[in-house]
Amino acid sequence: MIRLILTVCIALVASVPPVQAQQGGLVTLQTRDDSQGWESVGRLDIAGKGFCTAALIRERLILTAAHCLYEEDGSLIPASRFSFRAGLRDGRAEAERSITRAIAHPEYDFQGGVTDPSTVAMDIAVLELSQPIRNSRLQPYRIAQRPITGDQVGVVSYGRGREEAPSLQEVCNVLGLQTGVIVMTCDVEFGSSGSPVFMVIDGETRIASVVSAMAQINGQKVSLGTSLAGPLDRLLSHFATAAPARIGGEQRLISVGERNSTGAKFVRP
């Protein structure tokens, strides 16, 4: 599978022309005005561990990456250790909630690793908030159809070196798709796992993907996202009846102040 994903990713990049559309850089959302429309993205803190990024999709439900639910040894992180801090900026959040339940996609294989496209394709999870978020500034995001090669997308994320405020990359590009995995030029870092990837549809910002991993392809840094077409409906149906996510696999989270010197080509952000 390692050879497959390497071959697939190189082929995707090699088969598309150089990006002609403008590529936007990361912008820190420092003020209330900057953050308008993005308040429903938040930092998903894991006590004693680190954090991921998540986004509100229902009044009582957030969406993130499935691998954020596990310890490195494959053990399940108790829901009580999670907290969602919507719109967190410089120590203040628009809303804070604890988590009562966390469910990964039922077909997600945590042991598959980031080089297995079938694992990345199902790397999504939903977490139930202790109380609904009802705030006119924090509206749940709707889901977009799967993007196609050449589409422009954007991403809002927290990450290493930018833990205290979200960063927006308004314009990045879809390089290709393979087996439910979306390869993008979006700039992500450790802590960006679960970050929502957005598209603007008829003037409305919708979530088109969730960041699962980052990779280097021919020296170019890219991000890998999960296609939400189909998998999210399956996950939400599973959530209605499922127990907490099963044990297995590994994860990578960034702790505040942690440095990372990994040379891995494929890593979880």
Protein backbone atom coordinates (compact mmCIF):
# COMPACT_ATOMS: atom_id res chain seq x y z
CA MET A 1 0.00 0.00 0.00
CA ILE A 2 2.92 2.35 0.61
CA ARG A 3 4.03 1.98 -2.98
CA LEU A 4 0.46 2.46 -4.17
CA ILE A 5 -0.10 5.75 -2.42
CA LEU A 6 3.33 7.03 -3.43
CA THR A 7 2.68 6.12 -7.05
CA VAL A 8 -0.81 7.55 -7.00
CA CYS A 9 0.26 10.86 -5.48
CA ILE A 10 3.21 11.32 -7.82
CA ALA A 11 1.01 10.52 -10.78
CA LEU A 12 -1.61 13.01 -9.68
CA VAL A 13 0.90 15.82 -9.38
CA ALA A 14 2.70 14.91 -12.57
CA SER A 15 -0.53 14.74 -14.54
CA VAL A 16 -1.77 18.24 -13.74
CA PRO A 17 -0.25 21.47 -15.11
CA PRO A 18 1.30 24.02 -12.79
CA VAL A 19 -1.37 25.81 -10.79
CA GLN A 20 -2.45 28.94 -12.65
CA ALA A 21 -4.89 30.26 -10.03
CA GLN A 22 -3.64 32.48 -7.26
CA GLN A 23 -2.36 30.59 -4.25
CA GLY A 24 -3.18 32.33 -1.00
CA GLY A 25 -0.92 32.36 2.05
CA LEU A 26 -1.94 31.78 5.63
CA VAL A 27 -3.60 34.70 7.39
CA THR A 28 -4.04 34.72 11.16
CA LEU A 29 -7.59 35.58 12.20
CA GLN A 30 -6.63 38.01 14.94
CA THR A 31 -9.73 40.14 15.41
CA ARG A 32 -13.46 39.65 15.71
CA ASP A 33 -13.94 41.11 12.24
CA ASP A 34 -11.26 38.84 10.75
CA SER A 35 -12.98 35.82 12.26
CA GLN A 36 -16.47 36.60 11.02
CA GLY A 37 -17.90 33.52 9.36
CA TRP A 38 -15.19 31.24 10.77
CA GLU A 39 -16.25 31.20 14.42
CA SER A 40 -17.67 27.68 14.12
CA VAL A 41 -14.18 26.31 13.56
CA GLY A 42 -12.49 25.55 16.85
CA ARG A 43 -9.59 23.89 18.59
CA LEU A 44 -10.34 20.37 19.80
CA ASP A 45 -8.24 20.03 22.93
CA ILE A 46 -7.25 16.64 24.38
CA ALA A 47 -6.25 16.89 28.02
CA GLY A 48 -2.70 15.71 28.60
CA LYS A 49 -2.10 15.16 24.91
CA GLY A 50 -2.47 18.00 22.43
CA PHE A 51 -5.09 19.17 19.99
CA CYS A 52 -6.73 18.80 16.61
CA THR A 53 -9.07 21.14 14.72
CA ALA A 54 -12.83 20.61 14.36
CA ALA A 55 -15.90 22.37 12.96
CA LEU A 56 -19.54 22.60 13.95
CA ILE A 57 -21.92 20.75 11.60
CA ARG A 58 -24.95 20.50 13.90
CA GLU A 59 -25.88 22.43 17.03
CA ARG A 60 -24.51 19.54 19.07
CA LEU A 61 -22.11 17.86 16.66
CA ILE A 62 -18.60 18.61 15.43
CA LEU A 63 -16.59 17.04 12.63
CA THR A 64 -12.89 16.16 12.81
CA ALA A 65 -10.40 13.47 11.75
CA ALA A 66 -10.90 9.96 13.13
CA HIS A 67 -7.25 9.51 14.10
CA CYS A 68 -7.66 12.32 16.65
CA LEU A 69 -9.65 9.90 18.83
CA TYR A 70 -6.71 7.61 19.63
CA GLU A 71 -3.50 7.44 21.61
CA GLU A 72 -0.29 6.49 19.83
CA ASP A 73 -0.53 2.97 21.26
CA GLY A 74 -3.97 2.52 19.70
CA SER A 75 -6.00 2.98 22.88
CA LEU A 76 -9.16 5.03 22.71
CA ILE A 77 -9.04 8.47 24.32
CA PRO A 78 -11.99 8.86 26.73
CA ALA A 79 -14.56 11.42 25.61
CA SER A 80 -14.11 13.21 28.95
CA ARG A 81 -10.61 14.33 27.89
CA PHE A 82 -11.89 16.27 24.87
CA SER A 83 -13.13 19.83 24.83
CA PHE A 84 -14.17 22.00 21.90
CA ARG A 85 -13.29 25.69 21.96
CA ALA A 86 -15.15 27.30 19.07
CA GLY A 87 -13.57 30.41 17.60
CA LEU A 88 -10.67 30.28 20.07
CA ARG A 89 -8.53 33.40 19.76
CA ASP A 90 -5.89 34.55 22.23
CA GLY A 91 -7.25 32.50 25.10
CA ARG A 92 -10.92 33.33 24.56
CA ALA A 93 -13.48 31.18 22.79
CA GLU A 94 -16.87 32.09 21.38
CA ALA A 95 -18.20 28.92 23.01
CA GLU A 96 -16.69 26.01 24.97
CA ARG A 97 -18.16 22.56 25.36
CA SER A 98 -17.06 19.24 26.79
CA ILE A 99 -17.61 16.05 24.78
CA THR A 100 -20.00 13.25 25.70
CA ARG A 101 -19.41 10.85 22.81
CA ALA A 102 -16.87 10.42 19.98
CA ILE A 103 -17.47 8.12 17.02
CA ALA A 104 -15.14 7.31 14.11
CA HIS A 105 -16.31 6.13 10.70
CA PRO A 106 -17.16 2.42 11.04
CA GLU A 107 -14.89 1.50 8.10
CA TYR A 108 -11.93 3.47 9.36
CA ASP A 109 -8.94 1.19 10.00
CA PHE A 110 -6.66 2.96 12.41
CA GLN A 111 -3.89 0.45 11.79
CA GLY A 112 -3.89 1.29 8.09
CA GLY A 113 -1.63 4.31 8.46
CA VAL A 114 -1.48 7.49 6.43
CA THR A 115 0.05 5.81 3.37
CA ASP A 116 -3.06 3.65 2.86
CA PRO A 117 -5.60 5.56 0.74
CA SER A 118 -8.49 3.50 2.06
CA THR A 119 -7.60 4.64 5.57
CA VAL A 120 -7.28 8.31 4.66
CA ALA A 121 -10.57 8.10 2.74
CA MET A 122 -12.44 7.17 5.94
CA ASP A 123 -10.51 9.37 8.37
CA ILE A 124 -13.50 11.28 9.77
CA ALA A 125 -15.23 11.32 13.14
CA VAL A 126 -18.08 13.15 14.83
CA LEU A 127 -18.14 14.22 18.46
CA GLU A 128 -21.23 15.05 20.47
CA LEU A 129 -21.14 18.22 22.55
CA SER A 130 -22.34 18.25 26.14
CA GLN A 131 -24.75 21.05 25.23
CA PRO A 132 -25.84 22.47 21.88
CA ILE A 133 -24.25 25.66 20.62
CA ARG A 134 -26.97 28.17 19.87
CA ASN A 135 -25.37 31.44 18.93
CA SER A 136 -26.11 33.69 15.97
CA ARG A 137 -22.37 34.03 15.31
CA LEU A 138 -21.76 30.27 15.39
CA GLN A 139 -23.78 28.61 12.68
CA PRO A 140 -23.25 24.96 11.74
CA TYR A 141 -21.65 24.49 8.33
CA ARG A 142 -23.42 22.62 5.55
CA ILE A 143 -21.60 19.99 3.49
CA ALA A 144 -20.51 20.57 -0.12
CA GLN A 145 -20.32 18.07 -2.93
CA ARG A 146 -16.92 16.50 -3.52
CA PRO A 147 -14.47 18.93 -5.17
CA ILE A 148 -12.83 17.99 -8.46
CA THR A 149 -9.34 18.48 -9.84
CA GLY A 150 -8.63 22.16 -10.38
CA ASP A 151 -11.19 23.42 -7.87
CA GLN A 152 -10.19 26.17 -5.48
CA VAL A 153 -10.73 25.47 -1.81
CA GLY A 154 -9.74 27.07 1.48
CA VAL A 155 -8.87 25.81 4.93
CA VAL A 156 -9.15 27.16 8.48
CA SER A 157 -6.88 25.47 11.01
CA TYR A 158 -4.93 25.62 14.23
CA GLY A 159 -1.41 24.21 14.19
CA ARG A 160 2.12 24.18 15.48
CA GLY A 161 3.27 27.74 16.12
CA ARG A 162 -0.26 29.09 15.71
CA GLU A 163 -2.09 27.41 18.56
CA GLU A 164 -3.79 30.50 19.97
CA ALA A 165 -5.69 31.71 16.91
CA PRO A 166 -6.99 30.09 13.74
CA SER A 167 -5.28 30.64 10.40
CA LEU A 168 -7.11 31.00 7.10
CA GLN A 169 -5.73 30.00 3.73
CA GLU A 170 -8.43 31.39 1.51
CA VAL A 171 -7.17 29.94 -1.74
CA CYS A 172 -5.50 26.58 -2.28
CA ASN A 173 -6.05 24.07 -5.04
CA VAL A 174 -7.19 20.49 -5.58
CA LEU A 175 -4.44 18.64 -7.44
CA GLY A 176 -6.35 15.40 -7.85
CA LEU A 177 -8.49 12.67 -6.35
CA GLN A 178 -7.85 8.99 -5.86
CA THR A 179 -9.92 6.36 -4.03
CA GLY A 180 -11.74 8.95 -1.97
CA VAL A 181 -8.57 10.88 -1.10
CA ILE A 182 -8.30 14.54 -2.10
CA VAL A 183 -4.77 15.86 -2.73
CA MET A 184 -4.49 19.61 -2.14
CA THR A 185 -1.93 22.39 -1.91
CA CYS A 186 -3.38 23.65 1.40
CA ASP A 187 -0.77 24.55 4.01
CA VAL A 188 -1.30 22.45 7.14
CA GLU A 189 0.80 21.69 10.21
CA PHE A 190 0.81 19.40 13.23
CA GLY A 191 -2.46 20.15 15.01
CA SER A 192 -4.32 20.74 11.74
CA SER A 193 -5.78 17.25 11.66
CA GLY A 194 -9.54 17.51 11.28
CA SER A 195 -9.42 21.02 9.82
CA PRO A 196 -12.38 21.79 7.57
CA VAL A 197 -11.66 22.38 3.90
CA PHE A 198 -14.15 24.85 2.47
CA MET A 199 -15.73 25.66 -0.86
CA VAL A 200 -18.04 28.59 -1.60
CA ILE A 201 -21.26 27.37 -3.22
CA ASP A 202 -23.76 30.00 -4.37
CA GLY A 203 -22.27 32.46 -1.91
CA GLU A 204 -22.39 30.02 1.01
CA THR A 205 -19.31 28.57 2.69
CA ARG A 206 -19.57 24.78 2.96
CA ILE A 207 -17.25 22.00 4.14
CA ALA A 208 -15.89 19.95 1.23
CA SER A 209 -13.27 17.84 3.03
CA VAL A 210 -11.47 17.21 6.31
CA VAL A 211 -7.67 17.30 6.56
CA SER A 212 -6.27 13.86 7.32
CA ALA A 213 -2.53 13.98 6.56
CA MET A 214 0.26 16.01 5.05
CA ALA A 215 2.78 14.70 2.58
CA GLN A 216 5.72 15.61 0.40
CA ILE A 217 5.49 14.79 -3.28
CA ASN A 218 8.61 15.47 -5.31
CA GLY A 219 9.62 17.93 -2.60
CA GLN A 220 6.28 19.76 -2.69
CA LYS A 221 4.30 19.93 0.52
CA VAL A 222 0.70 18.85 0.03
CA SER A 223 -2.23 17.92 2.23
CA LEU A 224 -4.49 14.89 2.00
CA GLY A 225 -8.17 15.16 2.76
CA THR A 226 -11.14 12.85 3.07
CA SER A 227 -13.96 13.09 0.57
CA LEU A 228 -17.21 13.62 2.43
CA ALA A 229 -19.45 12.41 -0.40
CA GLY A 230 -20.97 9.22 1.00
CA PRO A 231 -18.67 8.58 3.99
CA LEU A 232 -20.21 11.33 6.13
CA ASP A 233 -23.77 10.06 5.58
CA ARG A 234 -22.58 6.59 6.55
CA LEU A 235 -20.85 7.97 9.64
CA LEU A 236 -23.90 9.94 10.78
CA SER A 237 -26.10 6.86 10.39
CA HIS A 238 -23.58 4.85 12.38
CA PHE A 239 -23.41 7.56 15.03
CA ALA A 240 -27.11 7.22 15.73
CA THR A 241 -26.63 3.68 17.03
CA ALA A 242 -22.92 3.11 17.65
CA ALA A 243 -20.88 2.75 20.80
CA PRO A 244 -17.58 4.69 21.03
CA ALA A 245 -15.00 4.12 18.31
CA ARG A 246 -13.11 0.84 18.40
CA ILE A 247 -9.54 0.57 19.62
CA GLY A 248 -6.62 0.27 17.24
CA GLY A 249 -3.92 2.22 15.43
CA GLU A 250 -1.88 5.29 16.08
CA GLN A 251 -2.16 9.07 15.89
CA ARG A 252 -0.06 12.20 15.90
CA LEU A 253 -1.08 15.32 17.77
CA ILE A 254 0.90 18.42 18.57
CA SER A 255 1.24 19.55 22.15
CA VAL A 256 1.66 23.24 22.89
CA GLY A 257 5.37 24.02 22.70
CA GLU A 258 6.30 20.65 21.20
CA ARG A 259 8.85 20.50 18.42
CA ASN A 260 8.93 17.84 15.77
CA SER A 261 11.85 16.83 13.61
CA THR A 262 10.31 13.92 11.75
CA GLY A 263 11.63 13.16 8.30
CA ALA A 264 8.60 11.11 7.34
CA LYS A 265 7.20 11.70 3.90
CA PHE A 266 3.64 11.03 5.03
CA VAL A 267 2.59 12.24 8.47
CA ARG A 268 -0.58 13.08 10.28
CA PRO A 269 -0.83 16.82 10.92
